[in-house]
Amino acid sequence: MVGFRHGRGPEGECICTKCGHKEPHERDTPCLAKKCPKCGAVMIRYSPGGLR
């Protein structure tokens, strides 16, 4: 199917790129769309296998 993307699954966390704050990953919400509640920086996906 053209244009269809699979997510990385429900496991993992979102981690702040600035202060390191972690929050559980929410299904259907990309970590990059979230801002850190502590410092306002961008958050990225962190999974047990490492940064993704």
Protein backbone atom coordinates (compact mmCIF):
# COMPACT_ATOMS: atom_id res chain seq x y z
CA MET A 1 0.00 0.00 0.00
CA VAL A 2 1.51 3.32 -1.05
CA GLY A 3 1.90 5.96 1.65
CA PHE A 4 1.07 3.63 4.55
CA ARG A 5 3.46 3.77 7.49
CA HIS A 6 3.65 1.49 10.47
CA GLY A 7 4.40 2.98 13.86
CA ARG A 8 6.92 1.56 16.27
CA GLY A 9 4.33 -0.02 18.50
CA PRO A 10 3.02 0.94 21.92
CA GLU A 11 6.15 0.22 23.95
CA GLY A 12 8.79 2.77 24.81
CA GLU A 13 8.91 6.27 26.15
CA CYS A 14 9.25 9.82 24.97
CA ILE A 15 12.41 11.52 26.24
CA CYS A 16 13.23 15.22 26.27
CA THR A 17 16.16 16.24 24.07
CA LYS A 18 17.19 18.94 26.54
CA CYS A 19 16.56 17.87 30.16
CA GLY A 20 16.09 14.08 29.78
CA HIS A 21 12.56 13.98 31.26
CA LYS A 22 10.76 10.75 30.29
CA GLU A 23 7.06 10.06 29.80
CA PRO A 24 5.26 6.94 28.58
CA HIS A 25 4.66 6.87 24.84
CA GLU A 26 1.00 7.44 23.97
CA ARG A 27 -0.45 5.38 21.14
CA ASP A 28 -1.19 7.41 17.98
CA THR A 29 0.77 10.42 19.31
CA PRO A 30 4.28 10.82 17.90
CA CYS A 31 6.85 11.88 20.48
CA LEU A 32 8.06 14.60 18.11
CA ALA A 33 4.60 16.18 18.37
CA LYS A 34 4.97 16.52 22.15
CA LYS A 35 6.74 19.24 24.12
CA CYS A 36 8.46 18.52 27.42
CA PRO A 37 6.24 19.60 30.33
CA LYS A 38 9.31 20.62 32.35
CA CYS A 39 11.32 22.73 29.88
CA GLY A 40 9.28 22.95 26.65
CA ALA A 41 11.88 21.27 24.40
CA VAL A 42 11.08 18.68 21.72
CA MET A 43 10.68 15.07 22.83
CA ILE A 44 11.89 12.04 20.86
CA ARG A 45 11.05 8.34 20.96
CA TYR A 46 13.08 6.12 23.26
CA SER A 47 12.64 2.36 23.18
CA PRO A 48 14.35 -0.38 25.18
CA GLY A 49 16.52 -1.11 22.12
CA GLY A 50 17.82 2.48 22.09
CA LEU A 51 16.90 5.79 20.52
CA ARG A 52 14.77 5.56 17.38
